[in-house]
Protein backbone atom coordinates (compact mmCIF):
# COMPACT_ATOMS: atom_id res chain seq x y z
CA MET A 1 113.47 100.48 176.45
CA ILE A 2 110.91 100.18 179.25
CA SER A 3 108.93 103.35 179.95
CA GLN A 4 110.30 105.64 182.63
CA ASP A 5 107.23 105.23 184.86
CA ILE A 6 107.50 101.46 184.96
CA ALA A 7 111.29 101.56 185.30
CA ASN A 8 110.98 103.84 188.32
CA THR A 9 108.23 101.68 189.84
CA ILE A 10 110.20 98.43 189.82
CA VAL A 11 113.03 99.96 191.87
CA ASP A 12 110.86 102.03 194.23
CA PRO A 13 110.79 100.69 197.84
CA LYS A 14 107.43 102.38 198.41
CA ALA A 15 105.96 100.55 195.41
CA TYR A 16 106.94 97.22 196.99
CA ALA A 17 105.33 98.29 200.26
CA ALA A 18 102.12 99.04 198.33
CA GLN A 19 102.58 95.83 196.27
CA THR A 20 99.86 96.52 193.68
CA PRO A 21 101.97 99.01 191.62
CA VAL A 22 104.77 96.44 191.33
CA ASP A 23 102.41 93.57 190.52
CA GLU A 24 100.79 95.66 187.78
CA ALA A 25 104.15 96.81 186.39
CA PHE A 26 105.49 93.27 186.13
CA ALA A 27 102.20 91.94 184.69
CA TYR A 28 102.45 94.57 181.94
CA LEU A 29 106.09 93.72 181.24
CA ARG A 30 105.44 89.96 181.08
CA LYS A 31 102.87 90.63 178.38
CA GLU A 32 104.39 93.54 176.43
CA ALA A 33 108.15 93.55 177.13
CA PRO A 34 109.16 90.33 178.90
CA PHE A 35 112.89 90.91 178.43
CA ALA A 36 113.71 94.57 177.96
CA GLN A 37 116.03 97.26 179.26
CA ALA A 38 115.14 99.80 181.92
CA GLN A 39 116.97 102.85 183.16
CA PRO A 40 115.30 104.19 186.30
CA GLU A 41 116.35 107.63 187.49
CA GLY A 42 119.74 107.40 189.19
CA TYR A 43 120.58 103.88 187.96
CA ASP A 44 122.67 102.39 185.18
CA PRO A 45 120.53 100.61 182.56
CA PHE A 46 119.72 96.94 183.15
CA TRP A 47 117.70 94.16 181.54
CA VAL A 48 114.52 93.21 183.42
CA VAL A 49 113.98 89.44 183.39
CA THR A 50 110.27 88.96 184.11
CA LYS A 51 109.42 85.49 182.73
CA HIS A 52 109.85 82.32 184.78
CA ALA A 53 111.61 80.46 181.93
CA ASP A 54 114.10 83.29 181.37
CA ILE A 55 114.94 83.53 185.08
CA LEU A 56 115.76 79.80 185.04
CA GLU A 57 117.81 80.18 181.86
CA VAL A 58 119.94 82.95 183.38
CA GLU A 59 120.31 81.20 186.75
CA ARG A 60 121.40 77.88 185.27
CA GLN A 61 124.22 79.55 183.29
CA ASN A 62 126.28 80.77 186.22
CA GLU A 63 129.50 80.97 184.20
CA LEU A 64 127.86 83.20 181.59
CA PHE A 65 125.95 85.35 184.10
CA HIS A 66 128.06 86.28 187.11
CA ASN A 67 127.05 87.48 190.57
CA GLY A 68 130.23 89.26 191.52
CA ASP A 69 131.36 91.36 188.56
CA ARG A 70 128.96 94.22 189.39
CA ALA A 71 126.65 94.88 192.33
CA ALA A 72 124.55 91.78 193.09
CA THR A 73 121.55 93.90 194.11
CA LEU A 74 120.03 97.04 192.60
CA THR A 75 122.43 99.85 193.43
CA PRO A 76 122.12 103.50 192.34
CA VAL A 77 125.02 104.97 190.35
CA LEU A 78 126.07 107.33 193.16
CA VAL A 79 126.06 104.54 195.75
CA ASP A 80 127.97 102.16 193.45
CA ARG A 81 130.61 104.83 192.88
CA LYS A 82 130.94 105.46 196.61
CA VAL A 83 131.14 101.75 197.47
CA ARG A 84 133.91 101.25 194.92
CA GLU A 85 135.82 104.18 196.46
CA ILE A 86 135.45 102.68 199.93
CA MET A 87 136.22 99.09 198.86
CA GLY A 88 139.19 99.75 196.59
CA GLY A 89 137.30 99.15 193.36
CA SER A 90 135.02 96.34 194.50
CA PRO A 91 131.25 96.95 194.14
CA HIS A 92 130.51 94.93 197.31
CA LEU A 93 130.33 96.05 200.95
CA VAL A 94 130.28 92.36 201.88
CA ARG A 95 131.51 89.31 199.98
CA SER A 96 129.22 86.44 200.88
CA LEU A 97 128.06 83.49 198.77
CA VAL A 98 125.69 85.94 197.07
CA GLN A 99 128.57 88.00 195.67
CA MET A 100 130.81 85.06 194.75
CA ASP A 101 131.34 83.17 191.51
CA ASN A 102 133.23 79.91 191.01
CA PRO A 103 135.60 78.62 192.15
CA ASP A 104 135.16 80.67 195.35
CA HIS A 105 131.41 80.19 195.45
CA MET A 106 131.65 76.41 195.28
CA ASN A 107 134.48 76.23 197.82
CA TYR A 108 132.81 78.49 200.37
CA ARG A 109 129.36 76.94 199.90
CA ARG A 110 130.77 73.44 200.42
CA LEU A 111 131.98 74.41 203.92
CA THR A 112 128.49 74.62 205.44
CA GLN A 113 126.35 72.85 202.85
CA GLY A 114 126.19 69.61 204.84
CA TRP A 115 124.65 71.45 207.77
CA PHE A 116 121.62 72.40 205.72
CA LEU A 117 120.93 69.12 203.89
CA PRO A 118 117.67 67.31 204.69
CA GLN A 119 119.40 64.26 206.17
CA ASN A 120 121.25 66.43 208.70
CA LEU A 121 118.18 68.52 209.50
CA LYS A 122 116.32 65.37 210.61
CA LYS A 123 118.44 65.55 213.76
CA LEU A 124 117.07 69.03 214.45
CA GLU A 125 113.40 68.25 213.96
CA SER A 126 112.50 67.52 217.60
CA ARG A 127 114.42 70.60 218.75
CA LEU A 128 112.62 72.76 216.19
CA ARG A 129 109.30 71.43 217.45
CA ASP A 130 110.26 72.40 221.00
CA ILE A 131 111.12 75.92 219.82
CA ALA A 132 107.89 76.19 217.82
CA ARG A 133 105.85 75.22 220.88
CA VAL A 134 107.52 77.97 222.91
CA PHE A 135 106.33 80.56 220.39
CA VAL A 136 102.87 79.03 220.05
CA ASP A 137 102.60 79.19 223.86
CA ARG A 138 103.74 82.80 223.73
CA MET A 139 101.00 83.60 221.24
CA ALA A 140 98.44 81.84 223.45
CA GLU A 141 99.52 83.95 226.43
CA MET A 142 98.95 87.22 224.56
CA GLY A 143 95.23 87.29 225.27
CA GLY A 144 93.80 86.76 221.82
CA GLU A 145 95.38 89.79 220.13
CA CYS A 146 98.87 90.41 218.78
CA ASP A 147 100.79 91.79 215.86
CA PHE A 148 101.84 88.43 214.51
CA ALA A 149 104.65 89.78 212.31
CA ARG A 150 106.24 91.79 215.12
CA ASP A 151 105.49 89.56 218.11
CA ILE A 152 105.88 86.01 216.77
CA GLY A 153 106.85 85.91 213.10
CA LEU A 154 110.08 87.82 213.68
CA TYR A 155 111.31 85.80 216.63
CA TYR A 156 110.71 82.14 215.85
CA PRO A 157 112.94 81.95 212.72
CA LEU A 158 115.46 84.23 214.44
CA HIS A 159 115.80 81.84 217.38
CA VAL A 160 116.12 78.83 215.06
CA ILE A 161 118.94 80.23 212.92
CA MET A 162 120.80 81.74 215.88
CA GLU A 163 120.80 78.35 217.60
CA VAL A 164 122.10 76.71 214.41
CA LEU A 165 124.73 79.43 213.97
CA GLY A 166 125.70 79.40 217.63
CA VAL A 167 124.74 82.94 218.73
CA PRO A 168 123.65 83.13 222.40
CA GLU A 169 119.96 83.80 222.98
CA ALA A 170 120.83 87.00 224.85
CA ASP A 171 122.30 88.42 221.63
CA GLU A 172 119.27 87.68 219.45
CA PRO A 173 117.71 91.17 219.85
CA ARG A 174 120.95 92.70 218.61
CA MET A 175 121.04 90.37 215.58
CA LEU A 176 117.41 91.20 214.79
CA LYS A 177 118.05 94.94 215.02
CA LEU A 178 121.11 94.73 212.76
CA THR A 179 119.27 92.56 210.21
CA GLN A 180 116.40 95.02 209.99
CA GLU A 181 118.84 97.89 209.58
CA LEU A 182 120.67 96.06 206.79
CA PHE A 183 117.65 94.96 204.74
CA GLY A 184 115.36 97.83 205.76
CA SER A 185 117.69 100.75 205.10
CA ASN A 186 114.99 102.40 202.97
CA ASP A 187 112.28 102.00 205.61
CA PRO A 188 112.09 104.75 208.28
CA ASP A 189 110.59 102.22 210.72
CA LEU A 190 113.52 99.83 210.35
CA ASN A 191 116.72 101.70 209.46
CA ARG A 192 119.40 102.89 211.87
CA ARG A 193 118.34 106.54 211.89
CA GLY A 194 114.57 106.08 212.18
CA GLU A 195 113.94 108.50 209.30
CA LYS A 196 113.83 108.63 205.51
CA LEU A 197 117.41 108.54 204.22
CA ASP A 198 118.84 109.65 200.89
CA PHE A 199 121.19 107.31 199.04
CA GLU A 200 124.36 108.60 200.67
CA ALA A 201 123.02 108.65 204.23
CA GLY A 202 121.57 105.18 203.67
CA LEU A 203 124.98 103.88 202.57
CA VAL A 204 126.68 105.32 205.66
CA ALA A 205 124.04 103.69 207.87
CA VAL A 206 124.52 100.31 206.16
CA GLN A 207 128.31 100.61 206.56
CA GLU A 208 127.86 101.21 210.28
CA THR A 209 125.60 98.17 210.54
CA ILE A 210 128.09 95.95 208.71
CA GLY A 211 130.85 97.26 210.97
CA GLU A 212 128.83 96.30 214.03
CA PHE A 213 128.24 92.82 212.63
CA ILE A 214 131.98 92.38 211.97
CA THR A 215 132.94 93.49 215.47
CA TYR A 216 130.48 90.99 216.92
CA PHE A 217 131.58 88.07 214.74
CA ASN A 218 135.27 88.78 215.33
CA GLY A 219 134.52 87.92 218.96
CA ILE A 220 132.60 84.78 217.94
CA THR A 221 135.54 83.70 215.73
CA GLU A 222 138.06 84.07 218.56
CA ASP A 223 135.81 82.07 220.88
CA ARG A 224 135.21 79.22 218.40
CA ARG A 225 138.88 78.94 217.58
CA ARG A 226 139.62 78.50 221.28
CA CYS A 227 136.64 76.23 221.94
CA PRO A 228 134.99 74.77 218.82
CA ARG A 229 131.39 73.59 219.20
CA GLU A 230 128.79 71.75 217.13
CA ASP A 231 127.56 74.88 215.35
CA VAL A 232 127.95 76.69 212.05
CA ALA A 233 130.03 79.46 213.64
CA SER A 234 132.70 76.88 214.49
CA VAL A 235 132.69 75.67 210.87
CA ILE A 236 133.26 79.22 209.59
CA ALA A 237 135.82 80.14 212.28
CA ASN A 238 137.93 77.03 211.69
CA GLY A 239 137.20 76.43 208.01
CA GLN A 240 139.96 76.09 205.45
CA ILE A 241 140.08 76.29 201.67
CA ASP A 242 143.10 74.77 199.91
CA GLY A 243 144.74 74.38 203.31
CA GLN A 244 144.41 78.06 204.20
CA PRO A 245 142.06 79.74 206.72
CA LEU A 246 139.16 81.65 205.21
CA ASP A 247 139.80 85.16 204.00
CA HIS A 248 138.76 87.39 206.94
CA PHE A 249 136.40 89.59 204.93
CA ALA A 250 134.76 86.57 203.31
CA ALA A 251 134.42 84.84 206.70
CA MET A 252 132.75 87.90 208.23
CA SER A 253 130.46 88.12 205.21
CA TYR A 254 129.61 84.43 205.64
CA TYR A 255 128.47 85.02 209.21
CA ILE A 256 126.42 88.03 208.10
CA ILE A 257 124.55 86.20 205.32
CA VAL A 258 123.68 83.27 207.62
CA ALA A 259 122.69 85.60 210.48
CA THR A 260 120.44 87.78 208.31
CA ALA A 261 119.06 85.86 205.33
CA GLY A 262 118.79 82.84 207.61
CA HIS A 263 115.77 84.30 209.37
CA ASP A 264 114.52 87.50 207.70
CA THR A 265 113.13 85.80 204.61
CA THR A 266 111.48 83.06 206.70
CA SER A 267 110.00 85.68 209.03
CA HIS A 268 108.42 87.51 206.11
CA THR A 269 107.05 84.27 204.66
CA THR A 270 105.59 83.08 207.97
CA ALA A 271 103.93 86.45 208.55
CA GLY A 272 102.59 86.34 205.00
CA GLY A 273 101.10 82.93 205.68
CA MET A 274 99.33 84.22 208.78
CA ARG A 275 97.93 87.13 206.79
CA VAL A 276 96.47 84.67 204.28
CA LEU A 277 94.80 82.64 207.05
CA ALA A 278 93.39 85.80 208.66
CA GLU A 279 92.05 87.14 205.37
CA GLN A 280 90.80 83.86 203.86
CA PRO A 281 88.85 81.78 206.40
CA ASP A 282 88.19 79.02 203.85
CA ILE A 283 91.92 78.28 203.66
CA PHE A 284 92.17 78.26 207.46
CA LYS A 285 89.27 75.77 207.66
CA ARG A 286 90.85 73.51 205.02
CA LEU A 287 94.16 73.37 206.86
CA LYS A 288 92.43 72.69 210.17
CA ALA A 289 90.46 69.86 208.57
CA ASP A 290 93.42 68.43 206.66
CA PRO A 291 96.86 69.07 208.24
CA SER A 292 98.48 67.06 205.42
CA LEU A 293 98.07 70.26 203.34
CA VAL A 294 100.61 72.11 205.51
CA PRO A 295 103.69 71.37 203.30
CA SER A 296 101.93 72.61 200.15
CA PHE A 297 100.58 75.61 202.12
CA VAL A 298 104.18 76.43 203.10
CA GLU A 299 105.33 76.15 199.48
CA GLU A 300 102.53 78.44 198.34
CA THR A 301 103.36 81.04 201.01
CA ILE A 302 106.95 81.07 199.73
CA ARG A 303 105.67 81.74 196.19
CA TRP A 304 103.05 84.21 197.42
CA VAL A 305 105.40 86.36 199.52
CA THR A 306 108.62 85.93 197.47
CA PRO A 307 110.61 87.78 200.15
CA VAL A 308 113.74 88.19 197.97
CA LYS A 309 112.55 90.52 195.23
CA HIS A 310 115.55 90.31 192.93
CA PHE A 311 119.19 89.53 192.38
CA MET A 312 121.39 91.06 189.70
CA ARG A 313 123.60 89.20 187.25
CA THR A 314 126.29 90.46 184.86
CA ALA A 315 126.93 88.97 181.41
CA THR A 316 130.50 87.72 181.03
CA ALA A 317 130.19 87.52 177.23
CA ASP A 318 127.83 88.54 174.46
CA ALA A 319 124.68 86.42 174.69
CA GLU A 320 121.04 86.16 173.68
CA VAL A 321 117.93 85.70 175.83
CA ARG A 322 114.39 85.66 174.40
CA GLY A 323 115.71 86.91 171.09
CA GLN A 324 117.41 89.96 172.65
CA LYS A 325 121.13 90.55 172.14
CA ILE A 326 122.97 91.10 175.42
CA ALA A 327 126.44 92.59 175.45
CA LYS A 328 129.31 91.53 177.68
CA GLY A 329 129.10 93.58 180.89
CA ASP A 330 125.32 94.12 180.71
CA TRP A 331 123.45 94.04 184.01
CA LEU A 332 120.33 91.86 184.45
CA MET A 333 117.62 92.03 187.14
CA LEU A 334 116.03 88.67 187.98
CA ALA A 335 112.52 89.76 188.99
CA TYR A 336 111.41 86.88 191.24
CA PRO A 337 107.92 88.24 192.11
CA SER A 338 107.23 88.44 188.39
CA GLY A 339 108.48 84.91 187.71
CA ASN A 340 106.24 83.67 190.52
CA ARG A 341 103.15 85.28 188.95
CA ASP A 342 103.92 84.09 185.42
CA GLU A 343 100.60 83.13 183.85
CA GLU A 344 102.32 80.57 181.59
CA VAL A 345 103.56 78.60 184.61
CA PHE A 346 101.03 79.18 187.40
CA GLU A 347 97.32 78.71 186.89
CA ASP A 348 95.46 81.70 188.34
CA PRO A 349 98.73 83.11 189.77
CA PHE A 350 97.09 85.93 191.76
CA THR A 351 95.05 83.41 193.77
CA PHE A 352 96.53 81.70 196.83
CA LYS A 353 96.06 77.95 196.43
CA ALA A 354 97.04 75.96 199.51
CA ASP A 355 97.13 72.75 197.46
CA ARG A 356 98.94 74.14 194.39
CA THR A 357 100.72 71.28 192.63
CA PRO A 358 103.17 71.50 191.02
CA ASN A 359 104.57 74.69 192.49
CA LYS A 360 107.80 75.41 190.66
CA HIS A 361 108.35 78.87 192.08
CA VAL A 362 111.67 80.67 191.87
CA ALA A 363 111.52 82.37 195.28
CA LEU A 364 114.52 80.40 196.55
CA GLY A 365 116.58 80.78 193.40
CA TYR A 366 117.74 78.06 191.06
CA GLY A 367 120.98 76.43 189.96
CA ALA A 368 124.31 76.92 191.71
CA HIS A 369 123.05 79.85 193.78
CA VAL A 370 119.83 78.22 195.04
CA CYS A 371 119.23 79.19 198.68
CA ILE A 372 121.51 77.10 200.89
CA GLY A 373 118.99 77.25 203.76
CA GLN A 374 115.91 76.26 201.73
CA HIS A 375 115.36 72.91 203.48
CA LEU A 376 115.71 74.42 206.94
CA ALA A 377 113.24 77.19 206.06
CA ARG A 378 110.64 74.70 204.80
CA LEU A 379 111.11 72.45 207.82
CA GLU A 380 110.81 75.18 210.44
CA MET A 381 107.71 76.67 208.78
CA ARG A 382 106.03 73.26 208.44
CA ILE A 383 106.64 72.47 212.10
CA PHE A 384 105.42 75.89 213.23
CA TRP A 385 102.12 75.61 211.33
CA GLU A 386 101.57 72.05 212.52
CA GLU A 387 101.98 73.16 216.13
CA LEU A 388 99.93 76.35 215.80
CA LEU A 389 97.02 74.99 213.75
CA SER A 390 96.37 72.21 216.27
CA ARG A 391 95.65 74.91 218.88
CA LEU A 392 94.25 77.80 216.85
CA ASP A 393 90.42 77.87 216.77
CA SER A 394 89.88 81.16 214.91
CA ILE A 395 91.90 83.94 213.33
CA GLU A 396 91.03 87.29 211.71
CA LEU A 397 92.72 90.58 210.96
CA ASN A 398 92.62 93.20 213.68
CA GLY A 399 93.93 96.16 211.68
CA THR A 400 95.66 96.90 208.39
CA PRO A 401 98.72 94.79 207.48
CA LEU A 402 101.82 96.70 206.37
CA LEU A 403 104.71 95.67 204.13
CA SER A 404 108.26 96.95 204.60
CA GLU A 405 109.69 99.52 202.19
CA ALA A 406 112.50 97.76 200.34
CA ASN A 407 113.26 96.65 196.81
CA PHE A 408 115.58 93.75 197.76
CA VAL A 409 114.22 91.81 200.76
CA CYS A 410 110.80 92.74 202.06
CA GLY A 411 107.49 91.39 203.28
CA PRO A 412 104.94 91.94 206.06
CA LYS A 413 106.23 94.11 208.90
CA SER A 414 102.84 94.30 210.63
CA VAL A 415 100.03 91.72 210.67
CA PRO A 416 97.64 92.64 213.52
CA VAL A 417 95.35 89.70 214.34
CA ARG A 418 92.58 88.66 216.72
CA TYR A 419 92.27 84.94 217.53
CA ARG A 420 91.09 82.19 219.86
CA MET A 421 93.40 79.39 220.99
CA LYS A 422 93.23 76.25 223.07
């Protein structure tokens, strides 16, 4: 059993905001207890999967390790009990692709998968470049100082995914606010109440946020059924599985996952990339001198930030991983930041290498549940950096960067910078 101190650290939102405590905890576990059980205060026990190879092994066996049987993210006992009361026994407040197993997962994923394949995204490339230039212009107009995370990093990926989804630009601030409330429920700067919340108050706030999302997307569904368009919302609103319309709850959850994960993770990664350039002038100079490094720089920022910190899996049968016996029903935490710092896979893993090759990180998942929007995220980040670096002459920090307080999805919430642009 993992020590109580380390167990508490790896679920503590404040530890992720500080980053070093979590990095040190996972480094210790990779060396001393790479696959072991933890029972943080207030949680059921779970296995902590810290090694890159073990994360891949669990992810590739999606029939043996389910997403939907128990909570798919770290959930305290009291919250899990309350959610099951509210949801009639289900551990999920939403039922998106994240909470589904086959055959539902495959059927629902197939509906929109084509939208996010590289060959389809080629059609969007010129439009994405236009959007990127708007935000680069916006940065240029800010007089050489901005909080990149709050002023630019948040809004560029938001605008991209909302255009793909089909949400009007006027509603983007509302979508951003709701996303931050959903993923930042532990962070007083981001949650609905603007204060530190206990588990129960946090759950109520998240319920309210989900309710607001559902109200909004009910309206979108009605509109797209009347007047379908060339957008993902029309696919969801009019989609069918086995000749039947989508289950309403699953359809609403589908909208929510696209509208939130579709930009929040990319925002964190883009802001993390800017922090690297501001802190490490040698990397900035290399990218300026050789723009062909941008794709590998993007890949390394994804590894470096790892915005999704974990997902949970549940064993559907007795099994064995790394010599440890797992019982049917056991809960497993896939610790992505740990897998992405695994010394056996990544040379000098705590150093940012803009030309790291190969870069087999697990930040976007693996196997059946690999991120459906991975190609769009890479494309929009590559285009943004290409457009910005051609105009950015200098960049440095102008204050202390801050990370959000969350143990599920988190990254830079403030990256104050000073810069010169053409």
